[in-house]
Amino acid sequence: MSAFTQQVKGNWNELKGKFKQQYADLTDDDLLYEDGKEDELLGKLQKKLGKTRQEVEDEVSSWSK
């Protein structure tokens, strides 16, 4: 299980709020989390934000510290 998956499962509501603060153009649909579909969520975030997988994962990691 990746670090991103662990962080999403444990703190999604907090992380979702941080994404909304940082990126006002993200919608609730963009931030819809379903258990077991972390890679799909990560892909949506990558596409919407124009960032690489590693950049999104690093950002989530920095918020979780």
Protein backbone atom coordinates (compact mmCIF):
# COMPACT_ATOMS: atom_id res chain seq x y z
CA MET A 1 0.00 0.00 0.00
CA SER A 2 1.45 3.35 -1.03
CA ALA A 3 1.95 6.27 1.34
CA PHE A 4 -0.70 8.20 -0.61
CA THR A 5 -3.22 5.40 -0.09
CA GLN A 6 -2.49 5.25 3.64
CA GLN A 7 -2.84 9.02 4.04
CA VAL A 8 -6.06 9.15 2.02
CA LYS A 9 -7.66 6.31 3.98
CA GLY A 10 -6.73 7.79 7.33
CA ASN A 11 -7.34 11.50 6.81
CA TRP A 12 -9.45 12.06 3.71
CA ASN A 13 -11.78 14.70 5.16
CA GLU A 14 -8.83 16.79 6.36
CA LEU A 15 -6.94 16.35 3.08
CA LYS A 16 -10.05 17.18 1.06
CA GLY A 17 -10.34 20.48 2.93
CA LYS A 18 -6.71 21.30 2.21
CA PHE A 19 -7.16 20.56 -1.49
CA LYS A 20 -10.19 22.86 -1.58
CA GLN A 21 -8.25 25.65 0.17
CA GLN A 22 -5.24 25.28 -2.11
CA TYR A 23 -7.12 24.70 -5.38
CA ALA A 24 -10.45 26.52 -5.48
CA ASP A 25 -11.31 25.10 -8.91
CA LEU A 26 -11.57 21.51 -7.60
CA THR A 27 -15.16 20.30 -7.31
CA ASP A 28 -16.68 17.80 -4.91
CA ASP A 29 -16.76 15.31 -7.80
CA ASP A 30 -13.01 15.79 -8.31
CA LEU A 31 -12.49 15.00 -4.64
CA LEU A 32 -14.86 12.05 -4.38
CA TYR A 33 -13.08 9.26 -2.54
CA GLU A 34 -14.14 5.63 -2.78
CA ASP A 35 -12.39 2.94 -0.81
CA GLY A 36 -10.11 0.94 -3.08
CA LYS A 37 -10.04 3.59 -5.83
CA GLU A 38 -7.14 5.69 -4.60
CA ASP A 39 -5.32 5.41 -7.94
CA GLU A 40 -8.39 6.72 -9.76
CA LEU A 41 -8.57 9.67 -7.34
CA LEU A 42 -4.88 10.35 -7.83
CA GLY A 43 -5.32 10.28 -11.60
CA LYS A 44 -8.20 12.78 -11.44
CA LEU A 45 -6.12 15.10 -9.26
CA GLN A 46 -3.13 14.83 -11.60
CA LYS A 47 -5.24 15.71 -14.63
CA LYS A 48 -7.11 18.57 -12.96
CA LEU A 49 -4.01 20.11 -11.34
CA GLY A 50 -1.59 19.47 -14.22
CA LYS A 51 0.90 17.80 -11.90
CA THR A 52 2.74 14.51 -11.94
CA ARG A 53 1.81 11.63 -9.68
CA GLN A 54 4.89 12.29 -7.57
CA GLU A 55 4.07 16.00 -7.20
CA VAL A 56 0.56 15.22 -5.94
CA GLU A 57 1.85 12.54 -3.56
CA ASP A 58 4.56 14.88 -2.24
CA GLU A 59 2.02 17.62 -1.61
CA VAL A 60 -0.26 15.26 0.30
CA SER A 61 2.74 14.03 2.32
CA SER A 62 3.72 17.59 3.23
CA TRP A 63 0.22 18.30 4.53
CA SER A 64 0.19 15.18 6.67
CA LYS A 65 3.28 16.09 8.68
